[in-house]
C-alpha atoms as a PDB file:
ATOM      1  CA  MET A   1     -21.141 -24.065  24.761  1.00  0.00           C
ATOM      2  CA  ALA A   2     -19.418 -27.368  25.624  1.00  0.00           C
ATOM      3  CA  PRO A   3     -16.325 -28.280  23.620  1.00  0.00           C
ATOM      4  CA  ARG A   4     -16.629 -30.856  20.868  1.00  0.00           C
ATOM      5  CA  ARG A   5     -15.578 -34.416  21.445  1.00  0.00           C
ATOM      6  CA  PRO A   6     -11.939 -34.742  20.295  1.00  0.00           C
ATOM      7  CA  ASP A   7     -11.139 -37.286  17.604  1.00  0.00           C
ATOM      8  CA  SER A   8      -8.028 -38.333  19.523  1.00  0.00           C
ATOM      9  CA  VAL A   9      -7.167 -37.914  23.185  1.00  0.00           C
ATOM     10  CA  THR A  10      -3.760 -37.006  24.557  1.00  0.00           C
ATOM     11  CA  TYR A  11      -4.563 -37.117  28.276  1.00  0.00           C
ATOM     12  CA  SER A  12      -6.994 -39.382  30.122  1.00  0.00           C
ATOM     13  CA  ILE A  13      -7.780 -38.668  33.779  1.00  0.00           C
ATOM     14  CA  VAL A  14      -9.209 -41.637  35.689  1.00  0.00           C
ATOM     15  CA  VAL A  15     -11.084 -40.778  38.894  1.00  0.00           C
ATOM     16  CA  PRO A  16     -12.584 -43.595  41.033  1.00  0.00           C
ATOM     17  CA  VAL A  17     -15.604 -42.350  42.991  1.00  0.00           C
ATOM     18  CA  PHE A  18     -17.445 -43.847  45.958  1.00  0.00           C
ATOM     19  CA  ASN A  19     -20.020 -41.706  47.792  1.00  0.00           C
ATOM     20  CA  GLU A  20     -18.237 -38.395  47.153  1.00  0.00           C
ATOM     21  CA  GLU A  21     -21.228 -36.113  46.429  1.00  0.00           C
ATOM     22  CA  ALA A  22     -19.994 -33.517  48.946  1.00  0.00           C
ATOM     23  CA  VAL A  23     -16.754 -32.870  47.050  1.00  0.00           C
ATOM     24  CA  LEU A  24     -18.015 -33.121  43.452  1.00  0.00           C
ATOM     25  CA  PRO A  25     -18.775 -29.398  42.831  1.00  0.00           C
ATOM     26  CA  ILE A  26     -15.220 -28.394  43.784  1.00  0.00           C
ATOM     27  CA  LEU A  27     -13.704 -31.371  41.979  1.00  0.00           C
ATOM     28  CA  LEU A  28     -15.516 -30.669  38.707  1.00  0.00           C
ATOM     29  CA  LYS A  29     -14.489 -27.015  38.775  1.00  0.00           C
ATOM     30  CA  ARG A  30     -10.826 -27.863  39.257  1.00  0.00           C
ATOM     31  CA  LEU A  31     -10.926 -30.595  36.611  1.00  0.00           C
ATOM     32  CA  ASP A  32     -12.432 -28.119  34.146  1.00  0.00           C
ATOM     33  CA  ALA A  33      -9.564 -25.727  34.873  1.00  0.00           C
ATOM     34  CA  LEU A  34      -7.018 -28.517  34.501  1.00  0.00           C
ATOM     35  CA  MET A  35      -8.312 -29.729  31.136  1.00  0.00           C
ATOM     36  CA  ASP A  36      -8.631 -26.163  29.838  1.00  0.00           C
ATOM     37  CA  GLY A  37      -4.948 -25.603  30.625  1.00  0.00           C
ATOM     38  CA  LEU A  38      -3.559 -28.769  29.059  1.00  0.00           C
ATOM     39  CA  ASP A  39      -1.680 -28.644  25.767  1.00  0.00           C
ATOM     40  CA  GLY A  40      -3.720 -31.401  24.153  1.00  0.00           C
ATOM     41  CA  PRO A  41      -7.215 -32.921  24.069  1.00  0.00           C
ATOM     42  CA  ALA A  42      -8.209 -34.493  27.378  1.00  0.00           C
ATOM     43  CA  GLU A  43     -10.925 -36.675  28.853  1.00  0.00           C
ATOM     44  CA  THR A  44     -11.933 -37.386  32.447  1.00  0.00           C
ATOM     45  CA  ILE A  45     -13.343 -40.817  33.257  1.00  0.00           C
ATOM     46  CA  PHE A  46     -15.343 -41.160  36.456  1.00  0.00           C
ATOM     47  CA  VAL A  47     -15.679 -44.732  37.707  1.00  0.00           C
ATOM     48  CA  ASP A  48     -18.618 -44.970  40.109  1.00  0.00           C
ATOM     49  CA  ASP A  49     -17.685 -47.856  42.381  1.00  0.00           C
ATOM     50  CA  GLY A  50     -21.201 -48.681  43.568  1.00  0.00           C
ATOM     51  CA  SER A  51     -22.033 -45.308  45.156  1.00  0.00           C
ATOM     52  CA  THR A  52     -25.322 -45.000  47.045  1.00  0.00           C
ATOM     53  CA  ASP A  53     -25.501 -41.187  47.219  1.00  0.00           C
ATOM     54  CA  CYS A  54     -26.695 -38.664  44.622  1.00  0.00           C
ATOM     55  CA  GLY A  55     -23.254 -38.150  43.106  1.00  0.00           C
ATOM     56  CA  SER A  56     -24.051 -40.555  40.271  1.00  0.00           C
ATOM     57  CA  ILE A  57     -26.770 -38.190  39.011  1.00  0.00           C
ATOM     58  CA  VAL A  58     -24.318 -35.280  38.878  1.00  0.00           C
ATOM     59  CA  LEU A  59     -21.598 -37.278  37.132  1.00  0.00           C
ATOM     60  CA  ARG A  60     -23.938 -38.846  34.589  1.00  0.00           C
ATOM     61  CA  ALA A  61     -25.366 -35.441  33.730  1.00  0.00           C
ATOM     62  CA  ARG A  62     -21.888 -33.959  33.313  1.00  0.00           C
ATOM     63  CA  ALA A  63     -20.883 -36.817  30.989  1.00  0.00           C
ATOM     64  CA  ASN A  64     -23.992 -36.230  28.868  1.00  0.00           C
ATOM     65  CA  ASP A  65     -23.493 -32.444  28.717  1.00  0.00           C
ATOM     66  CA  ASP A  66     -19.719 -32.149  28.312  1.00  0.00           C
ATOM     67  CA  PRO A  67     -18.046 -34.447  25.753  1.00  0.00           C
ATOM     68  CA  ARG A  68     -14.758 -34.331  27.670  1.00  0.00           C
ATOM     69  CA  TYR A  69     -16.286 -36.372  30.501  1.00  0.00           C
ATOM     70  CA  ARG A  70     -17.052 -40.098  30.671  1.00  0.00           C
ATOM     71  CA  TYR A  71     -19.005 -42.003  33.299  1.00  0.00           C
ATOM     72  CA  ILE A  72     -18.928 -45.696  34.210  1.00  0.00           C
ATOM     73  CA  LYS A  73     -21.116 -47.162  36.931  1.00  0.00           C
ATOM     74  CA  LEU A  74     -20.160 -50.559  38.347  1.00  0.00           C
ATOM     75  CA  THR A  75     -22.891 -52.893  39.565  1.00  0.00           C
ATOM     76  CA  ARG A  76     -21.541 -52.879  43.133  1.00  0.00           C
ATOM     77  CA  ASN A  77     -18.562 -51.759  45.177  1.00  0.00           C
ATOM     78  CA  PHE A  78     -15.676 -53.792  43.744  1.00  0.00           C
ATOM     79  CA  GLY A  79     -12.999 -51.804  45.568  1.00  0.00           C
ATOM     80  CA  HIS A  80     -10.693 -48.895  44.825  1.00  0.00           C
ATOM     81  CA  GLN A  81      -8.021 -50.913  43.025  1.00  0.00           C
ATOM     82  CA  ILE A  82     -10.582 -52.546  40.729  1.00  0.00           C
ATOM     83  CA  ALA A  83     -12.200 -49.170  39.990  1.00  0.00           C
ATOM     84  CA  ILE A  84      -8.813 -47.837  38.887  1.00  0.00           C
ATOM     85  CA  THR A  85      -8.459 -50.835  36.582  1.00  0.00           C
ATOM     86  CA  ALA A  86     -11.932 -50.279  35.094  1.00  0.00           C
ATOM     87  CA  GLY A  87     -11.039 -46.689  34.245  1.00  0.00           C
ATOM     88  CA  MET A  88      -7.707 -47.605  32.692  1.00  0.00           C
ATOM     89  CA  ASP A  89      -9.401 -50.259  30.559  1.00  0.00           C
ATOM     90  CA  VAL A  90     -11.409 -47.595  28.721  1.00  0.00           C
ATOM     91  CA  ALA A  91      -8.887 -44.724  28.802  1.00  0.00           C
ATOM     92  CA  SER A  92      -7.788 -43.765  25.294  1.00  0.00           C
ATOM     93  CA  GLY A  93      -5.152 -41.117  26.032  1.00  0.00           C
ATOM     94  CA  GLN A  94      -1.462 -41.324  25.273  1.00  0.00           C
ATOM     95  CA  ALA A  95      -0.902 -40.504  28.948  1.00  0.00           C
ATOM     96  CA  VAL A  96      -3.277 -41.740  31.656  1.00  0.00           C
ATOM     97  CA  VAL A  97      -3.494 -40.020  35.036  1.00  0.00           C
ATOM     98  CA  VAL A  98      -5.003 -41.766  38.068  1.00  0.00           C
ATOM     99  CA  MET A  99      -6.179 -39.578  40.937  1.00  0.00           C
ATOM    100  CA  ASP A 100      -8.626 -39.790  43.842  1.00  0.00           C
ATOM    101  CA  ALA A 101     -11.830 -37.761  43.960  1.00  0.00           C
ATOM    102  CA  ASP A 102     -11.315 -36.292  47.444  1.00  0.00           C
ATOM    103  CA  LEU A 103      -8.843 -33.648  46.158  1.00  0.00           C
ATOM    104  CA  GLN A 104      -6.078 -34.942  48.387  1.00  0.00           C
ATOM    105  CA  ASP A 105      -4.515 -35.618  44.994  1.00  0.00           C
ATOM    106  CA  PRO A 106      -4.443 -31.986  43.719  1.00  0.00           C
ATOM    107  CA  PRO A 107      -5.272 -31.818  39.977  1.00  0.00           C
ATOM    108  CA  GLU A 108      -2.742 -29.003  39.566  1.00  0.00           C
ATOM    109  CA  VAL A 109       0.112 -31.480  40.192  1.00  0.00           C
ATOM    110  CA  VAL A 110      -0.768 -33.163  36.887  1.00  0.00           C
ATOM    111  CA  GLN A 111       1.010 -30.365  34.997  1.00  0.00           C
ATOM    112  CA  ASP A 112       4.258 -31.251  36.785  1.00  0.00           C
ATOM    113  CA  MET A 113       3.731 -34.913  35.913  1.00  0.00           C
ATOM    114  CA  ILE A 114       3.215 -34.074  32.268  1.00  0.00           C
ATOM    115  CA  ALA A 115       6.467 -32.100  32.226  1.00  0.00           C
ATOM    116  CA  ARG A 116       8.375 -35.158  33.459  1.00  0.00           C
ATOM    117  CA  TRP A 117       6.521 -37.418  30.994  1.00  0.00           C
ATOM    118  CA  LYS A 118       7.674 -35.191  28.143  1.00  0.00           C
ATOM    119  CA  GLU A 119      11.242 -35.680  29.356  1.00  0.00           C
ATOM    120  CA  GLY A 120      10.880 -39.362  28.484  1.00  0.00           C
ATOM    121  CA  TYR A 121       9.665 -40.947  31.722  1.00  0.00           C
ATOM    122  CA  GLU A 122       6.934 -43.535  31.245  1.00  0.00           C
ATOM    123  CA  VAL A 123       5.625 -43.635  34.825  1.00  0.00           C
ATOM    124  CA  VAL A 124       5.516 -40.469  36.923  1.00  0.00           C
ATOM    125  CA  TYR A 125       4.256 -41.049  40.454  1.00  0.00           C
ATOM    126  CA  ALA A 126       3.352 -38.386  43.000  1.00  0.00           C
ATOM    127  CA  ARG A 127       5.314 -38.686  46.249  1.00  0.00           C
ATOM    128  CA  ARG A 128       3.843 -37.183  49.411  1.00  0.00           C
ATOM    129  CA  ALA A 129       6.208 -34.652  50.958  1.00  0.00           C
ATOM    130  CA  SER A 130       3.680 -34.014  53.723  1.00  0.00           C
ATOM    131  CA  ARG A 131       0.336 -35.470  54.813  1.00  0.00           C
ATOM    132  CA  GLU A 132      -1.979 -32.800  56.214  1.00  0.00           C
ATOM    133  CA  GLY A 133      -4.975 -34.012  58.176  1.00  0.00           C
ATOM    134  CA  ASP A 134      -3.610 -37.499  58.807  1.00  0.00           C
ATOM    135  CA  SER A 135      -3.398 -38.608  62.420  1.00  0.00           C
ATOM    136  CA  ALA A 136      -0.067 -39.478  63.994  1.00  0.00           C
ATOM    137  CA  PHE A 137      -1.198 -43.104  64.126  1.00  0.00           C
ATOM    138  CA  LYS A 138      -1.943 -43.190  60.400  1.00  0.00           C
ATOM    139  CA  ARG A 139       1.393 -41.587  59.519  1.00  0.00           C
ATOM    140  CA  TRP A 140       3.219 -44.051  61.777  1.00  0.00           C
ATOM    141  CA  THR A 141       1.447 -47.120  60.393  1.00  0.00           C
ATOM    142  CA  ALA A 142       2.069 -45.918  56.828  1.00  0.00           C
ATOM    143  CA  ALA A 143       5.778 -45.517  57.547  1.00  0.00           C
ATOM    144  CA  VAL A 144       5.957 -48.984  59.120  1.00  0.00           C
ATOM    145  CA  PHE A 145       4.104 -50.517  56.167  1.00  0.00           C
ATOM    146  CA  TYR A 146       6.399 -49.003  53.534  1.00  0.00           C
ATOM    147  CA  LYS A 147       9.527 -49.998  55.452  1.00  0.00           C
ATOM    148  CA  LEU A 148       8.257 -53.553  55.923  1.00  0.00           C
ATOM    149  CA  LEU A 149       7.186 -53.837  52.294  1.00  0.00           C
ATOM    150  CA  GLY A 150      10.529 -52.447  51.140  1.00  0.00           C
ATOM    151  CA  ARG A 151      12.405 -55.111  53.083  1.00  0.00           C
ATOM    152  CA  LEU A 152      10.187 -58.052  52.143  1.00  0.00           C
ATOM    153  CA  SER A 153       9.042 -57.250  48.608  1.00  0.00           C
ATOM    154  CA  SER A 154      10.763 -58.694  45.570  1.00  0.00           C
ATOM    155  CA  VAL A 155      10.394 -55.340  43.762  1.00  0.00           C
ATOM    156  CA  ASP A 156      11.312 -51.797  44.770  1.00  0.00           C
ATOM    157  CA  ILE A 157       8.023 -50.075  45.676  1.00  0.00           C
ATOM    158  CA  PRO A 158       8.507 -46.324  46.329  1.00  0.00           C
ATOM    159  CA  HIS A 159       7.801 -45.012  49.837  1.00  0.00           C
ATOM    160  CA  ASP A 160       5.033 -42.475  50.560  1.00  0.00           C
ATOM    161  CA  VAL A 161       3.455 -43.057  47.163  1.00  0.00           C
ATOM    162  CA  GLY A 162      -0.203 -43.863  46.560  1.00  0.00           C
ATOM    163  CA  ASP A 163      -2.032 -44.431  43.299  1.00  0.00           C
ATOM    164  CA  PHE A 164      -1.741 -40.806  42.102  1.00  0.00           C
ATOM    165  CA  ARG A 165       0.425 -41.123  38.986  1.00  0.00           C
ATOM    166  CA  LEU A 166       0.749 -40.556  35.244  1.00  0.00           C
ATOM    167  CA  VAL A 167       1.294 -43.615  33.059  1.00  0.00           C
ATOM    168  CA  ASP A 168       2.346 -43.736  29.417  1.00  0.00           C
ATOM    169  CA  ARG A 169       0.128 -45.561  26.918  1.00  0.00           C
ATOM    170  CA  ARG A 170       2.732 -48.293  26.422  1.00  0.00           C
ATOM    171  CA  VAL A 171       2.719 -49.051  30.145  1.00  0.00           C
ATOM    172  CA  VAL A 172      -1.088 -48.963  30.300  1.00  0.00           C
ATOM    173  CA  ASP A 173      -1.318 -51.589  27.554  1.00  0.00           C
ATOM    174  CA  VAL A 174       1.004 -53.911  29.479  1.00  0.00           C
ATOM    175  CA  PHE A 175      -0.833 -53.226  32.754  1.00  0.00           C
ATOM    176  CA  ARG A 176      -4.124 -54.237  31.145  1.00  0.00           C
ATOM    177  CA  SER A 177      -2.634 -57.637  30.303  1.00  0.00           C
ATOM    178  CA  MET A 178      -2.150 -58.407  34.019  1.00  0.00           C
ATOM    179  CA  PRO A 179      -5.321 -60.260  35.098  1.00  0.00           C
ATOM    180  CA  GLU A 180      -4.782 -60.876  38.826  1.00  0.00           C
ATOM    181  CA  GLN A 181      -7.840 -60.536  41.064  1.00  0.00           C
ATOM    182  CA  ASP A 182      -6.317 -59.245  44.332  1.00  0.00           C
ATOM    183  CA  ARG A 183      -4.730 -56.122  42.959  1.00  0.00           C
ATOM    184  CA  PHE A 184      -2.161 -53.784  44.475  1.00  0.00           C
ATOM    185  CA  VAL A 185      -1.870 -51.253  41.665  1.00  0.00           C
ATOM    186  CA  ARG A 186       1.156 -49.321  42.916  1.00  0.00           C
ATOM    187  CA  GLY A 187       3.049 -52.588  43.309  1.00  0.00           C
ATOM    188  CA  MET A 188       2.006 -53.741  39.840  1.00  0.00           C
ATOM    189  CA  PHE A 189       3.450 -50.595  38.248  1.00  0.00           C
ATOM    190  CA  ALA A 190       6.646 -50.997  40.246  1.00  0.00           C
ATOM    191  CA  TRP A 191       6.917 -54.604  39.021  1.00  0.00           C
ATOM    192  CA  LEU A 192       6.502 -53.529  35.388  1.00  0.00           C
ATOM    193  CA  GLY A 193       9.671 -51.466  35.408  1.00  0.00           C
ATOM    194  CA  PHE A 194      10.024 -48.901  32.585  1.00  0.00           C
ATOM    195  CA  ARG A 195      11.497 -45.450  33.240  1.00  0.00           C
ATOM    196  CA  GLN A 196       9.951 -44.091  36.425  1.00  0.00           C
ATOM    197  CA  THR A 197      10.408 -40.907  38.430  1.00  0.00           C
ATOM    198  CA  ALA A 198       8.709 -38.961  41.212  1.00  0.00           C
ATOM    199  CA  VAL A 199       7.042 -35.584  41.576  1.00  0.00           C
ATOM    200  CA  ASP A 200       6.867 -34.374  45.176  1.00  0.00           C
ATOM    201  CA  PHE A 201       3.722 -32.649  46.417  1.00  0.00           C
ATOM    202  CA  HIS A 202       2.116 -31.576  49.669  1.00  0.00           C
ATOM    203  CA  ARG A 203      -0.968 -33.685  50.307  1.00  0.00           C
ATOM    204  CA  PRO A 204      -3.768 -31.463  51.652  1.00  0.00           C
ATOM    205  CA  GLU A 205      -6.677 -32.432  53.850  1.00  0.00           C
ATOM    206  CA  ARG A 206      -9.779 -33.931  52.288  1.00  0.00           C
ATOM    207  CA  ALA A 207     -11.846 -31.126  50.708  1.00  0.00           C
ATOM    208  CA  ALA A 208     -15.196 -32.491  51.959  1.00  0.00           C
ATOM    209  CA  GLY A 209     -16.814 -35.706  53.100  1.00  0.00           C
ATOM    210  CA  VAL A 210     -15.215 -38.537  55.051  1.00  0.00           C
ATOM    211  CA  THR A 211     -12.503 -41.042  54.190  1.00  0.00           C
ATOM    212  CA  LYS A 212     -13.520 -44.223  52.365  1.00  0.00           C
ATOM    213  CA  TYR A 213     -10.410 -46.050  53.563  1.00  0.00           C
ATOM    214  CA  PRO A 214     -10.975 -47.055  57.206  1.00  0.00           C
ATOM    215  CA  LEU A 215      -8.374 -49.047  59.111  1.00  0.00           C
ATOM    216  CA  TRP A 216      -9.650 -52.465  58.047  1.00  0.00           C
ATOM    217  CA  LYS A 217      -9.508 -51.528  54.345  1.00  0.00           C
ATOM    218  CA  MET A 218      -5.979 -50.232  54.763  1.00  0.00           C
ATOM    219  CA  LEU A 219      -4.983 -53.492  56.463  1.00  0.00           C
ATOM    220  CA  ARG A 220      -6.515 -55.485  53.617  1.00  0.00           C
ATOM    221  CA  LEU A 221      -4.612 -53.414  51.049  1.00  0.00           C
ATOM    222  CA  ALA A 222      -1.402 -53.922  53.030  1.00  0.00           C
ATOM    223  CA  VAL A 223      -1.934 -57.701  53.085  1.00  0.00           C
ATOM    224  CA  ASN A 224      -2.596 -57.699  49.327  1.00  0.00           C
ATOM    225  CA  GLY A 225       0.647 -55.813  48.769  1.00  0.00           C
ATOM    226  CA  LEU A 226       2.666 -58.100  51.012  1.00  0.00           C
ATOM    227  CA  ILE A 227       1.218 -61.388  49.760  1.00  0.00           C
ATOM    228  CA  GLY A 228       1.166 -60.301  46.122  1.00  0.00           C
ATOM    229  CA  PHE A 229       4.793 -59.155  45.931  1.00  0.00           C
ATOM    230  CA  SER A 230       6.652 -61.236  48.485  1.00  0.00           C
ATOM    231  CA  ASP A 231       7.045 -64.882  49.476  1.00  0.00           C
ATOM    232  CA  ALA A 232       8.587 -63.808  52.797  1.00  0.00           C
ATOM    233  CA  PRO A 233       5.600 -65.045  54.867  1.00  0.00           C
ATOM    234  CA  LEU A 234       6.061 -68.549  53.438  1.00  0.00           C
ATOM    235  CA  LYS A 235       9.777 -68.434  54.180  1.00  0.00           C
ATOM    236  CA  MET A 236       8.962 -67.215  57.665  1.00  0.00           C
ATOM    237  CA  ALA A 237       6.663 -70.222  58.132  1.00  0.00           C
ATOM    238  CA  ILE A 238       9.495 -72.576  57.175  1.00  0.00           C
ATOM    239  CA  TRP A 239      12.053 -70.997  59.509  1.00  0.00           C
ATOM    240  CA  LEU A 240       9.611 -70.649  62.391  1.00  0.00           C
ATOM    241  CA  GLY A 241       8.539 -74.251  61.962  1.00  0.00           C
ATOM    242  CA  LEU A 242      12.202 -75.313  61.970  1.00  0.00           C
ATOM    243  CA  ALA A 243      12.866 -73.288  65.134  1.00  0.00           C
ATOM    244  CA  VAL A 244       9.876 -74.789  66.945  1.00  0.00           C
ATOM    245  CA  SER A 245      10.881 -78.301  65.869  1.00  0.00           C
ATOM    246  CA  THR A 246      14.393 -77.688  67.209  1.00  0.00           C
ATOM    247  CA  LEU A 247      13.015 -76.532  70.554  1.00  0.00           C
ATOM    248  CA  ALA A 248      10.711 -79.555  70.692  1.00  0.00           C
ATOM    249  CA  LEU A 249      13.687 -81.869  70.000  1.00  0.00           C
ATOM    250  CA  LEU A 250      15.742 -80.245  72.755  1.00  0.00           C
ATOM    251  CA  PHE A 251      12.857 -80.532  75.186  1.00  0.00           C
ATOM    252  CA  GLY A 252      12.429 -84.201  74.244  1.00  0.00           C
ATOM    253  CA  LEU A 253      16.093 -84.883  74.966  1.00  0.00           C
ATOM    254  CA  TYR A 254      15.717 -83.100  78.297  1.00  0.00           C
ATOM    255  CA  ALA A 255      12.670 -85.219  79.160  1.00  0.00           C
ATOM    256  CA  ILE A 256      14.558 -88.448  78.310  1.00  0.00           C
ATOM    257  CA  GLU A 257      17.479 -87.375  80.465  1.00  0.00           C
ATOM    258  CA  ARG A 258      15.158 -86.696  83.409  1.00  0.00           C
ATOM    259  CA  TYR A 259      13.492 -90.064  82.893  1.00  0.00           C
ATOM    260  CA  LEU A 260      16.797 -91.948  82.869  1.00  0.00           C
ATOM    261  CA  THR A 261      17.876 -90.291  86.121  1.00  0.00           C
ATOM    262  CA  ASN A 262      14.500 -91.086  87.737  1.00  0.00           C
ATOM    263  CA  ASP A 263      13.975 -87.379  88.370  1.00  0.00           C
ATOM    264  CA  VAL A 264      10.543 -87.051  86.771  1.00  0.00           C
ATOM    265  CA  VAL A 265       8.223 -84.467  88.254  1.00  0.00           C
ATOM    266  CA  THR A 266       4.619 -84.957  87.208  1.00  0.00           C
ATOM    267  CA  GLY A 267       2.544 -81.911  86.338  1.00  0.00           C
ATOM    268  CA  TRP A 268       0.203 -80.578  83.772  1.00  0.00           C
ATOM    269  CA  THR A 269       1.270 -76.910  83.539  1.00  0.00           C
ATOM    270  CA  SER A 270       4.286 -77.494  81.288  1.00  0.00           C
ATOM    271  CA  THR A 271       2.277 -79.892  79.126  1.00  0.00           C
ATOM    272  CA  VAL A 272      -0.538 -77.402  78.628  1.00  0.00           C
ATOM    273  CA  VAL A 273       1.886 -74.570  77.851  1.00  0.00           C
ATOM    274  CA  ILE A 274       3.830 -76.597  75.289  1.00  0.00           C
ATOM    275  CA  VAL A 275       0.760 -78.043  73.587  1.00  0.00           C
ATOM    276  CA  SER A 276      -0.899 -74.615  73.422  1.00  0.00           C
ATOM    277  CA  PHE A 277       2.250 -73.070  71.981  1.00  0.00           C
ATOM    278  CA  LEU A 278       2.629 -75.726  69.310  1.00  0.00           C
ATOM    279  CA  CYS A 279      -1.059 -75.534  68.380  1.00  0.00           C
ATOM    280  CA  GLY A 280      -0.828 -71.763  68.066  1.00  0.00           C
ATOM    281  CA  ILE A 281       2.220 -71.993  65.797  1.00  0.00           C
ATOM    282  CA  ASN A 282       0.472 -74.634  63.709  1.00  0.00           C
ATOM    283  CA  LEU A 283      -2.606 -72.444  63.254  1.00  0.00           C
ATOM    284  CA  LEU A 284      -0.428 -69.451  62.366  1.00  0.00           C
ATOM    285  CA  MET A 285       1.431 -71.368  59.692  1.00  0.00           C
ATOM    286  CA  THR A 286      -1.800 -72.838  58.357  1.00  0.00           C
ATOM    287  CA  GLY A 287      -3.244 -69.333  58.102  1.00  0.00           C
ATOM    288  CA  VAL A 288      -0.223 -68.023  56.188  1.00  0.00           C
ATOM    289  CA  MET A 289      -0.402 -70.860  53.682  1.00  0.00           C
ATOM    290  CA  GLY A 290      -4.173 -70.419  53.503  1.00  0.00           C
ATOM    291  CA  LEU A 291      -3.724 -66.822  52.335  1.00  0.00           C
ATOM    292  CA  TYR A 292      -1.637 -67.938  49.379  1.00  0.00           C
ATOM    293  CA  ILE A 293      -3.936 -70.849  48.575  1.00  0.00           C
ATOM    294  CA  GLY A 294      -6.937 -68.529  48.746  1.00  0.00           C
ATOM    295  CA  ARG A 295      -5.342 -66.238  46.195  1.00  0.00           C
ATOM    296  CA  ILE A 296      -4.721 -69.198  43.897  1.00  0.00           C
ATOM    297  CA  TYR A 297      -8.375 -70.210  44.284  1.00  0.00           C
ATOM    298  CA  ALA A 298      -9.530 -66.696  43.369  1.00  0.00           C
ATOM    299  CA  GLU A 299      -7.310 -66.669  40.274  1.00  0.00           C
ATOM    300  CA  VAL A 300      -8.308 -70.052  38.855  1.00  0.00           C
ATOM    301  CA  LYS A 301     -12.024 -69.163  38.899  1.00  0.00           C
ATOM    302  CA  ARG A 302     -11.274 -66.568  36.183  1.00  0.00           C
ATOM    303  CA  ARG A 303     -14.200 -64.332  37.066  1.00  0.00           C
ATOM    304  CA  PRO A 304     -14.245 -60.849  35.492  1.00  0.00           C
ATOM    305  CA  LEU A 305     -12.667 -58.167  37.640  1.00  0.00           C
ATOM    306  CA  TYR A 306     -15.798 -56.010  37.532  1.00  0.00           C
ATOM    307  CA  VAL A 307     -19.226 -55.657  35.927  1.00  0.00           C
ATOM    308  CA  VAL A 308     -20.380 -52.408  34.309  1.00  0.00           C
ATOM    309  CA  GLU A 309     -23.988 -51.342  34.809  1.00  0.00           C
ATOM    310  CA  GLN A 310     -24.067 -48.007  32.962  1.00  0.00           C
ATOM    311  CA  ARG A 311     -21.890 -45.949  30.659  1.00  0.00           C
ATOM    312  CA  ALA A 312     -22.296 -42.327  29.588  1.00  0.00           C
ATOM    313  CA  GLY A 313     -20.259 -39.969  27.431  1.00  0.00           C
ATOM    314  CA  PHE A 314     -18.634 -42.643  25.280  1.00  0.00           C
ATOM    315  CA  ALA A 315     -18.858 -42.792  21.520  1.00  0.00           C
ATOM    316  CA  PRO A 316     -21.333 -45.426  20.301  1.00  0.00           C
ATOM    317  CA  ALA A 317     -19.691 -48.803  19.860  1.00  0.00           C
ATOM    318  CA  PRO A 318     -19.655 -50.161  16.296  1.00  0.00           C
ATOM    319  CA  ALA A 319     -22.260 -52.820  15.644  1.00  0.00           C
ATOM    320  CA  LYS A 320     -20.903 -56.340  15.746  1.00  0.00           C
ATOM    321  CA  ALA A 321     -21.374 -58.548  12.741  1.00  0.00           C
ATOM    322  CA  ALA A 322     -23.746 -61.472  13.169  1.00  0.00           C
ATOM    323  CA  PRO A 323     -21.896 -64.756  13.720  1.00  0.00           C
ATOM    324  CA  SER A 324     -21.618 -67.014  10.712  1.00  0.00           C
ATOM    325  CA  ALA A 325     -23.453 -70.339  10.585  1.00  0.00           C
ATOM    326  CA  ALA A 326     -20.174 -72.202  10.955  1.00  0.00           C
ATOM    327  CA  THR A 327     -19.265 -70.178  14.018  1.00  0.00           C
ATOM    328  CA  HIS A 328     -22.723 -70.679  15.482  1.00  0.00           C
ATOM    329  CA  LEU A 329     -22.564 -74.429  14.988  1.00  0.00           C
ATOM    330  CA  ALA A 330     -19.060 -74.625  16.371  1.00  0.00           C
ATOM    331  CA  SER A 331     -20.113 -72.809  19.530  1.00  0.00           C
END
């Protein structure tokens, strides 16, 4: 017999899912074991980020059969960071855990996070002590990214840390008030401050299926992190523009000197090289500024972060009162 729906929830586990049907049987078994071993009522919220496989059938059925599970289906693939946000928006626990569905974030580590949370820490993030299954190229690019972000970012973002973390209710409420569209969740939590600490763990290989974060998605996430938490690219544009202008001035003085001494050698090679160089720098700087302007454009449209198509396992929402005549006329 399935356990009854708790009146209050201590722990909420948010799991974004995108085409993970191969790993779901193992994941559900380990989540059952995790929630059975917790010292308070728990819920698991699956956020289906536009999956096209049969996993949605399994998750919806589990949410209907077991009151500890919730299921949200988004109308399309909005992205991993948005799916995390959608789950945190509906999480009701005093502590909210975010973890991936591929079991590279082992559910058993949550117990260690809870122990640190009870010590008074409000954000407990899981730091990767090792990365099994990752190629040398991926490990190298990840190391370069974290070093670069650490040097350029205006906030201290921990190295070798993903989105696997436990967050106190007070932090979740503040996080939900941050409406930006291009989200870099781990950077947002670092920006918030509060008392934070790490729990080290060994990151295993994916239990089944294939990665949903190819190189181009990782590059996009890296750009979001860099642009969202640093103005270094804009400063770089200023200094690079100043350097190029200085070189152009020096070359102009050299050209005048050659003209005055009647030692002018005609030719097109130097002209083509200089013009091409300056045009390339101009396009680079325009692109950097365009990234920031594009983010401003996305923000001012004020579109919702996501759209929910289906929900299962949630308590029925209270009926809303009909609007008054005065309200109706005013609208």
